[in-house]
Amino acid sequence: MLEIRIHGRGGQGVVTAAELLSLAAFREGQYAQAFPSFGSERMGAPVTSFCRLDAEPIRLREPIDRPDVIVIQDPTLLASHDVLAGLSTDGWLLVNSSRGFAELGLADWVAQFRPGRARCVPASELARQHLGRPLPNAALLGGLAGLTGAVGIDSITSAIRERFAGAVGERNSAAATAAFTLSRTEPVPC
């Protein structure tokens, strides 16, 4: 089972990202589960979403304390919350940032990861380019597909297009595809 925890802020599409990831996994014949955890329901408040993917039915229903993958949609959470709690160095880390891990204060921590398991992807910038708004969730799903291989980019873009019709779906799919390509070709930032 692959357990994924997504951290962000209200309004960034944290809950939608987990739902879309689950839908993409279903498209590939996997079992999936997605659910959020948040306190106050207001724009900008910290939000955590959870997603599990497996080849077998998933019976667990509790939050994910020891994730295999952590996605950080808002890097400002690094300073105020322990968003990396429970992640082992055998896991994967994806951070929405145009800065490297050294600038984020994570260089020593990330150096312990196996090669190719940690990436910074400028998802907000890619979203601004393709959508005209800095909504990083779709781009980060593409980055997650490229980094982990847990789901394919075609399944991600199909799930996005199913959820968001017309130009919005196409633009989000383009942002996801750009992040997928970037996450597969760029060296691990340090």
N, C-alpha and C. Protein backbone atom coordinates (compact mmCIF):
# COMPACT_ATOMS: atom_id res chain seq x y z
N MET A 1 0.85 -1.17 0.00
CA MET A 1 0.00 0.00 0.00
C MET A 1 0.90 1.24 0.00
N LEU A 2 0.53 2.22 -0.78
CA LEU A 2 1.23 3.50 -0.82
C LEU A 2 0.38 4.52 -0.10
N GLU A 3 0.94 5.13 0.94
CA GLU A 3 0.21 6.11 1.73
C GLU A 3 0.80 7.50 1.48
N ILE A 4 -0.08 8.43 1.12
CA ILE A 4 0.32 9.77 0.70
C ILE A 4 -0.36 10.80 1.59
N ARG A 5 0.43 11.78 2.04
CA ARG A 5 -0.10 12.88 2.83
C ARG A 5 0.20 14.17 2.08
N ILE A 6 -0.83 15.00 1.90
CA ILE A 6 -0.71 16.27 1.18
C ILE A 6 -0.99 17.40 2.16
N HIS A 7 -0.03 18.34 2.25
CA HIS A 7 -0.17 19.50 3.14
C HIS A 7 -0.28 20.77 2.31
N GLY A 8 -1.20 21.63 2.71
CA GLY A 8 -1.35 22.91 2.04
C GLY A 8 -2.22 23.82 2.87
N ARG A 9 -2.80 24.79 2.20
CA ARG A 9 -3.68 25.75 2.86
C ARG A 9 -5.03 25.76 2.15
N GLY A 10 -6.06 26.13 2.90
CA GLY A 10 -7.40 26.22 2.34
C GLY A 10 -7.40 27.09 1.10
N GLY A 11 -8.01 26.61 0.04
CA GLY A 11 -8.07 27.35 -1.21
C GLY A 11 -7.04 26.91 -2.23
N GLN A 12 -6.11 26.03 -1.83
CA GLN A 12 -5.08 25.55 -2.76
C GLN A 12 -5.47 24.24 -3.44
N GLY A 13 -6.60 23.69 -3.10
CA GLY A 13 -7.04 22.45 -3.72
C GLY A 13 -6.42 21.20 -3.12
N VAL A 14 -6.12 21.23 -1.83
CA VAL A 14 -5.50 20.09 -1.15
C VAL A 14 -6.45 18.88 -1.17
N VAL A 15 -7.70 19.10 -0.84
CA VAL A 15 -8.68 18.01 -0.81
C VAL A 15 -8.93 17.50 -2.23
N THR A 16 -9.06 18.41 -3.17
CA THR A 16 -9.28 18.03 -4.56
C THR A 16 -8.12 17.22 -5.10
N ALA A 17 -6.89 17.56 -4.71
CA ALA A 17 -5.72 16.82 -5.18
C ALA A 17 -5.81 15.35 -4.76
N ALA A 18 -6.15 15.08 -3.52
CA ALA A 18 -6.27 13.70 -3.05
C ALA A 18 -7.40 12.98 -3.79
N GLU A 19 -8.50 13.65 -4.02
CA GLU A 19 -9.62 13.04 -4.74
C GLU A 19 -9.23 12.71 -6.18
N LEU A 20 -8.53 13.63 -6.85
CA LEU A 20 -8.11 13.39 -8.22
C LEU A 20 -7.08 12.25 -8.30
N LEU A 21 -6.19 12.19 -7.33
CA LEU A 21 -5.21 11.11 -7.29
C LEU A 21 -5.92 9.76 -7.14
N SER A 22 -6.93 9.71 -6.29
CA SER A 22 -7.72 8.48 -6.12
C SER A 22 -8.42 8.10 -7.41
N LEU A 23 -9.01 9.06 -8.07
CA LEU A 23 -9.69 8.80 -9.33
C LEU A 23 -8.71 8.28 -10.38
N ALA A 24 -7.52 8.87 -10.44
CA ALA A 24 -6.50 8.40 -11.38
C ALA A 24 -6.11 6.95 -11.08
N ALA A 25 -5.97 6.62 -9.81
CA ALA A 25 -5.62 5.25 -9.42
C ALA A 25 -6.74 4.27 -9.80
N PHE A 26 -8.00 4.67 -9.58
CA PHE A 26 -9.14 3.83 -9.98
C PHE A 26 -9.08 3.54 -11.47
N ARG A 27 -8.72 4.55 -12.26
CA ARG A 27 -8.63 4.38 -13.71
C ARG A 27 -7.62 3.30 -14.09
N GLU A 28 -6.63 3.10 -13.23
CA GLU A 28 -5.58 2.12 -13.50
C GLU A 28 -5.86 0.77 -12.82
N GLY A 29 -7.05 0.61 -12.26
CA GLY A 29 -7.42 -0.65 -11.64
C GLY A 29 -6.96 -0.81 -10.21
N GLN A 30 -6.49 0.26 -9.60
CA GLN A 30 -6.06 0.19 -8.21
C GLN A 30 -7.25 0.52 -7.29
N TYR A 31 -7.11 0.14 -6.05
CA TYR A 31 -8.04 0.57 -5.02
C TYR A 31 -7.47 1.87 -4.46
N ALA A 32 -8.35 2.77 -4.08
CA ALA A 32 -7.87 4.07 -3.58
C ALA A 32 -8.84 4.61 -2.55
N GLN A 33 -8.29 5.48 -1.73
CA GLN A 33 -9.06 6.11 -0.66
C GLN A 33 -8.51 7.53 -0.48
N ALA A 34 -9.39 8.51 -0.36
CA ALA A 34 -8.96 9.89 -0.14
C ALA A 34 -9.88 10.53 0.89
N PHE A 35 -9.27 11.28 1.83
CA PHE A 35 -10.07 11.98 2.83
C PHE A 35 -9.24 13.13 3.42
N PRO A 36 -9.92 14.21 3.83
CA PRO A 36 -9.22 15.38 4.37
C PRO A 36 -9.20 15.41 5.89
N SER A 37 -8.39 16.31 6.41
CA SER A 37 -8.38 16.64 7.83
C SER A 37 -8.07 18.12 7.94
N PHE A 38 -8.98 18.86 8.53
CA PHE A 38 -8.72 20.29 8.70
C PHE A 38 -9.49 20.82 9.89
N GLY A 39 -9.02 21.93 10.41
CA GLY A 39 -9.68 22.57 11.55
C GLY A 39 -10.70 23.57 11.04
N SER A 40 -10.34 24.83 11.09
CA SER A 40 -11.27 25.86 10.64
C SER A 40 -11.39 25.81 9.12
N GLU A 41 -12.58 25.99 8.64
CA GLU A 41 -12.82 25.94 7.20
C GLU A 41 -12.75 27.34 6.62
N ARG A 42 -11.53 27.86 6.54
CA ARG A 42 -11.38 29.20 5.98
C ARG A 42 -10.18 29.21 5.04
N MET A 43 -10.22 30.15 4.13
CA MET A 43 -9.14 30.32 3.18
C MET A 43 -7.83 30.58 3.91
N GLY A 44 -6.80 29.85 3.57
CA GLY A 44 -5.48 30.05 4.15
C GLY A 44 -5.17 29.21 5.37
N ALA A 45 -6.16 28.55 5.94
CA ALA A 45 -5.93 27.70 7.11
C ALA A 45 -5.22 26.42 6.67
N PRO A 46 -4.33 25.86 7.50
CA PRO A 46 -3.66 24.61 7.13
C PRO A 46 -4.66 23.48 6.91
N VAL A 47 -4.43 22.72 5.86
CA VAL A 47 -5.28 21.59 5.50
C VAL A 47 -4.37 20.41 5.17
N THR A 48 -4.76 19.24 5.62
CA THR A 48 -4.04 18.01 5.28
C THR A 48 -5.04 17.06 4.64
N SER A 49 -4.60 16.44 3.55
CA SER A 49 -5.42 15.45 2.88
C SER A 49 -4.62 14.15 2.81
N PHE A 50 -5.32 13.05 2.86
CA PHE A 50 -4.69 11.75 2.86
C PHE A 50 -5.18 10.94 1.66
N CYS A 51 -4.30 10.09 1.14
CA CYS A 51 -4.66 9.23 0.02
C CYS A 51 -3.91 7.91 0.17
N ARG A 52 -4.62 6.84 -0.02
CA ARG A 52 -4.01 5.50 -0.01
C ARG A 52 -4.28 4.84 -1.36
N LEU A 53 -3.26 4.16 -1.89
CA LEU A 53 -3.38 3.43 -3.15
C LEU A 53 -2.88 2.01 -2.91
N ASP A 54 -3.61 1.03 -3.44
CA ASP A 54 -3.19 -0.36 -3.26
C ASP A 54 -3.81 -1.24 -4.35
N ALA A 55 -3.19 -2.38 -4.56
CA ALA A 55 -3.72 -3.37 -5.48
C ALA A 55 -4.84 -4.19 -4.83
N GLU A 56 -4.92 -4.14 -3.52
CA GLU A 56 -5.92 -4.87 -2.74
C GLU A 56 -6.91 -3.89 -2.11
N PRO A 57 -8.11 -4.35 -1.72
CA PRO A 57 -9.05 -3.47 -1.04
C PRO A 57 -8.41 -2.87 0.22
N ILE A 58 -8.74 -1.62 0.50
CA ILE A 58 -8.17 -0.89 1.63
C ILE A 58 -9.18 -0.87 2.77
N ARG A 59 -8.78 -1.42 3.90
CA ARG A 59 -9.66 -1.50 5.07
C ARG A 59 -9.37 -0.42 6.10
N LEU A 60 -8.17 0.15 6.08
CA LEU A 60 -7.80 1.19 7.04
C LEU A 60 -8.67 2.44 6.87
N ARG A 61 -8.91 3.14 7.95
CA ARG A 61 -9.71 4.36 7.89
C ARG A 61 -9.12 5.51 8.69
N GLU A 62 -7.96 5.28 9.28
CA GLU A 62 -7.38 6.32 10.14
C GLU A 62 -6.44 7.23 9.33
N PRO A 63 -6.12 8.40 9.89
CA PRO A 63 -5.16 9.30 9.24
C PRO A 63 -3.81 8.60 9.06
N ILE A 64 -3.02 9.13 8.17
CA ILE A 64 -1.71 8.55 7.84
C ILE A 64 -0.63 9.23 8.68
N ASP A 65 -0.05 8.46 9.60
CA ASP A 65 1.00 8.99 10.47
C ASP A 65 2.40 8.72 9.92
N ARG A 66 2.55 7.65 9.15
CA ARG A 66 3.87 7.27 8.61
C ARG A 66 3.73 7.15 7.09
N PRO A 67 3.65 8.29 6.40
CA PRO A 67 3.42 8.26 4.96
C PRO A 67 4.63 7.75 4.18
N ASP A 68 4.34 7.22 3.00
CA ASP A 68 5.38 6.86 2.05
C ASP A 68 5.74 8.08 1.19
N VAL A 69 4.78 8.98 1.04
CA VAL A 69 4.95 10.17 0.20
C VAL A 69 4.37 11.37 0.94
N ILE A 70 5.11 12.48 0.91
CA ILE A 70 4.57 13.74 1.40
C ILE A 70 4.65 14.76 0.27
N VAL A 71 3.53 15.44 0.05
CA VAL A 71 3.45 16.53 -0.92
C VAL A 71 3.17 17.81 -0.13
N ILE A 72 3.99 18.80 -0.33
CA ILE A 72 3.81 20.08 0.38
C ILE A 72 3.44 21.13 -0.66
N GLN A 73 2.17 21.53 -0.63
CA GLN A 73 1.67 22.52 -1.58
C GLN A 73 2.07 23.93 -1.20
N ASP A 74 2.29 24.19 0.07
CA ASP A 74 2.67 25.53 0.53
C ASP A 74 3.92 25.41 1.40
N PRO A 75 5.09 25.81 0.87
CA PRO A 75 6.33 25.64 1.63
C PRO A 75 6.42 26.51 2.89
N THR A 76 5.53 27.48 3.07
CA THR A 76 5.55 28.26 4.32
C THR A 76 5.16 27.39 5.50
N LEU A 77 4.49 26.27 5.25
CA LEU A 77 4.12 25.35 6.33
C LEU A 77 5.35 24.68 6.95
N LEU A 78 6.45 24.64 6.22
CA LEU A 78 7.68 24.03 6.75
C LEU A 78 8.15 24.72 8.03
N ALA A 79 7.92 26.01 8.12
CA ALA A 79 8.38 26.78 9.29
C ALA A 79 7.43 26.71 10.47
N SER A 80 6.17 26.40 10.21
CA SER A 80 5.19 26.49 11.29
C SER A 80 4.55 25.16 11.70
N HIS A 81 4.72 24.12 10.91
CA HIS A 81 4.10 22.83 11.20
C HIS A 81 5.10 21.71 10.93
N ASP A 82 4.96 20.62 11.62
CA ASP A 82 5.85 19.48 11.40
C ASP A 82 5.28 18.61 10.28
N VAL A 83 5.30 19.15 9.07
CA VAL A 83 4.70 18.47 7.93
C VAL A 83 5.50 17.25 7.48
N LEU A 84 6.74 17.14 7.91
CA LEU A 84 7.57 16.01 7.51
C LEU A 84 7.51 14.85 8.51
N ALA A 85 6.71 15.00 9.55
CA ALA A 85 6.62 13.97 10.60
C ALA A 85 6.24 12.63 10.00
N GLY A 86 6.98 11.61 10.41
CA GLY A 86 6.67 10.24 10.01
C GLY A 86 7.25 9.80 8.69
N LEU A 87 7.80 10.70 7.91
CA LEU A 87 8.36 10.32 6.61
C LEU A 87 9.75 9.75 6.79
N SER A 88 9.96 8.53 6.30
CA SER A 88 11.29 7.93 6.39
C SER A 88 12.10 8.35 5.17
N THR A 89 13.39 8.13 5.24
CA THR A 89 14.26 8.49 4.13
C THR A 89 14.12 7.52 2.95
N ASP A 90 13.30 6.48 3.12
CA ASP A 90 12.95 5.60 2.00
C ASP A 90 11.72 6.11 1.26
N GLY A 91 11.12 7.17 1.78
CA GLY A 91 9.91 7.73 1.17
C GLY A 91 10.24 8.69 0.06
N TRP A 92 9.19 9.42 -0.37
CA TRP A 92 9.32 10.44 -1.40
C TRP A 92 8.84 11.76 -0.83
N LEU A 93 9.48 12.84 -1.27
CA LEU A 93 9.10 14.18 -0.84
C LEU A 93 8.99 15.07 -2.07
N LEU A 94 7.84 15.74 -2.21
CA LEU A 94 7.61 16.67 -3.31
C LEU A 94 7.17 18.00 -2.71
N VAL A 95 7.92 19.06 -3.01
CA VAL A 95 7.65 20.38 -2.45
C VAL A 95 7.38 21.36 -3.58
N ASN A 96 6.32 22.13 -3.44
CA ASN A 96 5.99 23.19 -4.38
C ASN A 96 6.91 24.38 -4.10
N SER A 97 7.97 24.48 -4.88
CA SER A 97 8.90 25.60 -4.69
C SER A 97 9.80 25.73 -5.90
N SER A 98 10.13 26.96 -6.23
CA SER A 98 11.13 27.21 -7.27
C SER A 98 12.52 27.29 -6.64
N ARG A 99 12.55 27.32 -5.31
CA ARG A 99 13.83 27.32 -4.59
C ARG A 99 14.25 25.88 -4.33
N GLY A 100 15.53 25.68 -4.11
CA GLY A 100 16.04 24.35 -3.81
C GLY A 100 15.89 24.02 -2.33
N PHE A 101 16.23 22.80 -1.99
CA PHE A 101 16.11 22.36 -0.60
C PHE A 101 17.03 23.13 0.34
N ALA A 102 18.19 23.56 -0.15
CA ALA A 102 19.10 24.34 0.70
C ALA A 102 18.44 25.64 1.14
N GLU A 103 17.81 26.34 0.21
CA GLU A 103 17.12 27.59 0.54
C GLU A 103 15.93 27.36 1.46
N LEU A 104 15.33 26.19 1.38
CA LEU A 104 14.19 25.88 2.24
C LEU A 104 14.62 25.35 3.61
N GLY A 105 15.92 25.20 3.81
CA GLY A 105 16.44 24.69 5.08
C GLY A 105 16.32 23.19 5.23
N LEU A 106 16.21 22.47 4.12
CA LEU A 106 16.01 21.03 4.16
C LEU A 106 17.16 20.22 3.57
N ALA A 107 18.25 20.87 3.19
CA ALA A 107 19.33 20.18 2.48
C ALA A 107 19.88 18.99 3.25
N ASP A 108 20.17 19.16 4.54
CA ASP A 108 20.73 18.06 5.32
C ASP A 108 19.74 16.91 5.46
N TRP A 109 18.49 17.25 5.65
CA TRP A 109 17.46 16.24 5.81
C TRP A 109 17.27 15.46 4.50
N VAL A 110 17.18 16.18 3.38
CA VAL A 110 16.95 15.55 2.08
C VAL A 110 18.17 14.74 1.63
N ALA A 111 19.35 15.11 2.06
CA ALA A 111 20.57 14.38 1.69
C ALA A 111 20.52 12.92 2.15
N GLN A 112 19.68 12.63 3.13
CA GLN A 112 19.55 11.26 3.64
C GLN A 112 18.66 10.38 2.75
N PHE A 113 17.89 11.01 1.84
CA PHE A 113 16.99 10.26 0.96
C PHE A 113 17.77 9.47 -0.08
N ARG A 114 17.16 8.41 -0.55
CA ARG A 114 17.72 7.71 -1.69
C ARG A 114 17.67 8.63 -2.90
N PRO A 115 18.63 8.52 -3.82
CA PRO A 115 18.65 9.40 -5.00
C PRO A 115 17.33 9.34 -5.77
N GLY A 116 16.88 10.51 -6.21
CA GLY A 116 15.66 10.61 -7.01
C GLY A 116 14.37 10.55 -6.23
N ARG A 117 14.43 10.63 -4.91
CA ARG A 117 13.23 10.51 -4.08
C ARG A 117 12.71 11.84 -3.54
N ALA A 118 13.40 12.94 -3.82
CA ALA A 118 12.95 14.25 -3.33
C ALA A 118 13.09 15.27 -4.44
N ARG A 119 12.07 16.09 -4.61
CA ARG A 119 12.07 17.10 -5.67
C ARG A 119 11.36 18.36 -5.19
N CYS A 120 11.84 19.47 -5.72
CA CYS A 120 11.10 20.72 -5.66
C CYS A 120 10.58 20.98 -7.07
N VAL A 121 9.31 21.27 -7.19
CA VAL A 121 8.69 21.57 -8.48
C VAL A 121 7.98 22.92 -8.33
N PRO A 122 8.23 23.86 -9.22
CA PRO A 122 7.58 25.17 -9.12
C PRO A 122 6.11 25.11 -9.58
N ALA A 123 5.30 24.38 -8.84
CA ALA A 123 3.91 24.12 -9.24
C ALA A 123 3.07 25.40 -9.31
N SER A 124 3.26 26.31 -8.39
CA SER A 124 2.48 27.57 -8.44
C SER A 124 2.82 28.36 -9.69
N GLU A 125 4.12 28.40 -10.05
CA GLU A 125 4.52 29.12 -11.26
C GLU A 125 3.97 28.44 -12.51
N LEU A 126 4.02 27.10 -12.53
CA LEU A 126 3.45 26.37 -13.68
C LEU A 126 1.95 26.62 -13.79
N ALA A 127 1.27 26.64 -12.66
CA ALA A 127 -0.17 26.91 -12.66
C ALA A 127 -0.45 28.33 -13.15
N ARG A 128 0.34 29.28 -12.69
CA ARG A 128 0.15 30.67 -13.13
C ARG A 128 0.35 30.76 -14.64
N GLN A 129 1.34 30.04 -15.17
CA GLN A 129 1.62 30.02 -16.60
C GLN A 129 0.46 29.44 -17.39
N HIS A 130 -0.08 28.32 -16.93
CA HIS A 130 -1.10 27.61 -17.69
C HIS A 130 -2.53 28.02 -17.36
N LEU A 131 -2.77 28.43 -16.09
CA LEU A 131 -4.12 28.77 -15.65
C LEU A 131 -4.35 30.26 -15.46
N GLY A 132 -3.26 30.98 -15.25
CA GLY A 132 -3.39 32.39 -14.92
C GLY A 132 -3.60 32.60 -13.42
N ARG A 133 -3.55 31.53 -12.63
CA ARG A 133 -3.74 31.59 -11.17
C ARG A 133 -2.76 30.62 -10.52
N PRO A 134 -2.25 30.93 -9.34
CA PRO A 134 -1.26 30.06 -8.69
C PRO A 134 -1.87 28.92 -7.89
N LEU A 135 -2.67 28.09 -8.53
CA LEU A 135 -3.29 26.93 -7.86
C LEU A 135 -2.43 25.69 -8.15
N PRO A 136 -1.64 25.23 -7.18
CA PRO A 136 -0.62 24.22 -7.45
C PRO A 136 -1.07 22.77 -7.50
N ASN A 137 -2.31 22.47 -7.15
CA ASN A 137 -2.67 21.06 -6.94
C ASN A 137 -2.52 20.18 -8.18
N ALA A 138 -3.02 20.60 -9.32
CA ALA A 138 -2.94 19.77 -10.54
C ALA A 138 -1.49 19.58 -10.96
N ALA A 139 -0.70 20.65 -10.91
CA ALA A 139 0.71 20.54 -11.28
C ALA A 139 1.43 19.57 -10.35
N LEU A 140 1.13 19.64 -9.06
CA LEU A 140 1.78 18.73 -8.12
C LEU A 140 1.39 17.28 -8.35
N LEU A 141 0.18 17.04 -8.82
CA LEU A 141 -0.20 15.67 -9.15
C LEU A 141 0.65 15.14 -10.30
N GLY A 142 0.91 15.98 -11.28
CA GLY A 142 1.81 15.59 -12.36
C GLY A 142 3.21 15.33 -11.84
N GLY A 143 3.67 16.20 -10.94
CA GLY A 143 4.98 16.00 -10.32
C GLY A 143 5.04 14.71 -9.52
N LEU A 144 3.96 14.40 -8.81
CA LEU A 144 3.89 13.16 -8.03
C LEU A 144 3.95 11.94 -8.94
N ALA A 145 3.24 11.99 -10.06
CA ALA A 145 3.27 10.87 -11.02
C ALA A 145 4.68 10.69 -11.56
N GLY A 146 5.37 11.78 -11.86
CA GLY A 146 6.72 11.69 -12.38
C GLY A 146 7.72 11.21 -11.34
N LEU A 147 7.57 11.67 -10.12
CA LEU A 147 8.50 11.32 -9.06
C LEU A 147 8.36 9.88 -8.60
N THR A 148 7.13 9.43 -8.36
CA THR A 148 6.91 8.11 -7.75
C THR A 148 6.54 7.02 -8.75
N GLY A 149 5.90 7.38 -9.85
CA GLY A 149 5.39 6.37 -10.78
C GLY A 149 4.18 5.62 -10.23
N ALA A 150 3.59 6.13 -9.16
CA ALA A 150 2.44 5.47 -8.52
C ALA A 150 1.23 5.41 -9.44
N VAL A 151 1.07 6.42 -10.25
CA VAL A 151 0.02 6.48 -11.27
C VAL A 151 0.63 7.13 -12.51
N GLY A 152 0.04 6.88 -13.64
CA GLY A 152 0.55 7.45 -14.89
C GLY A 152 0.01 8.85 -15.13
N ILE A 153 0.74 9.61 -15.91
CA ILE A 153 0.31 10.98 -16.21
C ILE A 153 -0.99 10.98 -17.03
N ASP A 154 -1.20 9.99 -17.87
CA ASP A 154 -2.45 9.93 -18.64
C ASP A 154 -3.65 9.75 -17.72
N SER A 155 -3.49 8.97 -16.66
CA SER A 155 -4.58 8.79 -15.70
C SER A 155 -4.82 10.08 -14.92
N ILE A 156 -3.75 10.78 -14.58
CA ILE A 156 -3.89 12.07 -13.88
C ILE A 156 -4.63 13.06 -14.75
N THR A 157 -4.20 13.21 -16.00
CA THR A 157 -4.85 14.20 -16.87
C THR A 157 -6.30 13.82 -17.19
N SER A 158 -6.57 12.51 -17.31
CA SER A 158 -7.96 12.08 -17.53
C SER A 158 -8.83 12.42 -16.32
N ALA A 159 -8.31 12.19 -15.12
CA ALA A 159 -9.06 12.52 -13.91
C ALA A 159 -9.32 14.03 -13.82
N ILE A 160 -8.32 14.81 -14.17
CA ILE A 160 -8.48 16.27 -14.15
C ILE A 160 -9.56 16.69 -15.14
N ARG A 161 -9.50 16.16 -16.35
CA ARG A 161 -10.49 16.53 -17.38
C ARG A 161 -11.90 16.07 -17.01
N GLU A 162 -11.99 14.95 -16.30
CA GLU A 162 -13.31 14.48 -15.86
C GLU A 162 -13.90 15.43 -14.81
N ARG A 163 -13.05 15.90 -13.92
CA ARG A 163 -13.51 16.78 -12.83
C ARG A 163 -13.77 18.21 -13.32
N PHE A 164 -12.90 18.69 -14.22
CA PHE A 164 -13.00 20.07 -14.70
C PHE A 164 -13.16 20.07 -16.22
N ALA A 165 -14.33 20.42 -16.67
CA ALA A 165 -14.63 20.39 -18.09
C ALA A 165 -14.01 21.57 -18.84
N GLY A 166 -13.87 21.41 -20.13
CA GLY A 166 -13.47 22.49 -21.02
C GLY A 166 -12.06 23.01 -20.80
N ALA A 167 -11.94 24.32 -20.95
CA ALA A 167 -10.63 24.98 -20.90
C ALA A 167 -9.96 24.81 -19.53
N VAL A 168 -10.73 24.82 -18.46
CA VAL A 168 -10.14 24.68 -17.12
C VAL A 168 -9.46 23.31 -16.99
N GLY A 169 -10.11 22.27 -17.46
CA GLY A 169 -9.52 20.94 -17.42
C GLY A 169 -8.29 20.84 -18.30
N GLU A 170 -8.36 21.43 -19.48
CA GLU A 170 -7.21 21.39 -20.39
C GLU A 170 -6.02 22.14 -19.82
N ARG A 171 -6.27 23.29 -19.23
CA ARG A 171 -5.17 24.09 -18.66
C ARG A 171 -4.55 23.40 -17.45
N ASN A 172 -5.38 22.82 -16.59
CA ASN A 172 -4.85 22.08 -15.45
C ASN A 172 -4.07 20.85 -15.91
N SER A 173 -4.55 20.19 -16.94
CA SER A 173 -3.84 19.03 -17.49
C SER A 173 -2.49 19.45 -18.06
N ALA A 174 -2.44 20.61 -18.71
CA ALA A 174 -1.17 21.11 -19.24
C ALA A 174 -0.18 21.41 -18.11
N ALA A 175 -0.66 21.98 -17.00
CA ALA A 175 0.20 22.25 -15.85
C ALA A 175 0.72 20.93 -15.25
N ALA A 176 -0.16 19.94 -15.16
CA ALA A 176 0.24 18.63 -14.62
C ALA A 176 1.28 17.98 -15.51
N THR A 177 1.08 18.05 -16.81
CA THR A 177 2.03 17.47 -17.76
C THR A 177 3.38 18.16 -17.69
N ALA A 178 3.38 19.48 -17.56
CA ALA A 178 4.64 20.23 -17.45
C ALA A 178 5.39 19.82 -16.18
N ALA A 179 4.68 19.67 -15.07
CA ALA A 179 5.32 19.27 -13.80
C ALA A 179 5.81 17.82 -13.89
N PHE A 180 5.06 16.97 -14.56
CA PHE A 180 5.48 15.58 -14.76
C PHE A 180 6.82 15.55 -15.49
N THR A 181 6.90 16.28 -16.59
CA THR A 181 8.13 16.32 -17.37
C THR A 181 9.29 16.88 -16.55
N LEU A 182 9.04 17.95 -15.84
CA LEU A 182 10.07 18.57 -15.01
C LEU A 182 10.56 17.63 -13.91
N SER A 183 9.64 16.93 -13.28
CA SER A 183 10.02 16.04 -12.16
C SER A 183 10.80 14.82 -12.65
N ARG A 184 10.67 14.48 -13.91
CA ARG A 184 11.38 13.32 -14.46
C ARG A 184 12.73 13.70 -15.07
N THR A 185 12.91 14.97 -15.40
CA THR A 185 14.14 15.37 -16.10
C THR A 185 15.10 16.18 -15.26
N GLU A 186 14.60 16.88 -14.26
CA GLU A 186 15.47 17.74 -13.45
C GLU A 186 16.24 16.91 -12.43
N PRO A 187 17.48 17.28 -12.16
CA PRO A 187 18.21 16.58 -11.08
C PRO A 187 17.62 16.96 -9.73
N VAL A 188 17.91 16.16 -8.73
CA VAL A 188 17.44 16.44 -7.38
C VAL A 188 18.06 17.74 -6.90
N PRO A 189 17.23 18.74 -6.55
CA PRO A 189 17.79 19.99 -6.05
C PRO A 189 18.47 19.77 -4.70
N CYS A 190 19.49 20.55 -4.42
CA CYS A 190 20.14 20.43 -3.12
C CYS A 190 20.30 21.78 -2.48
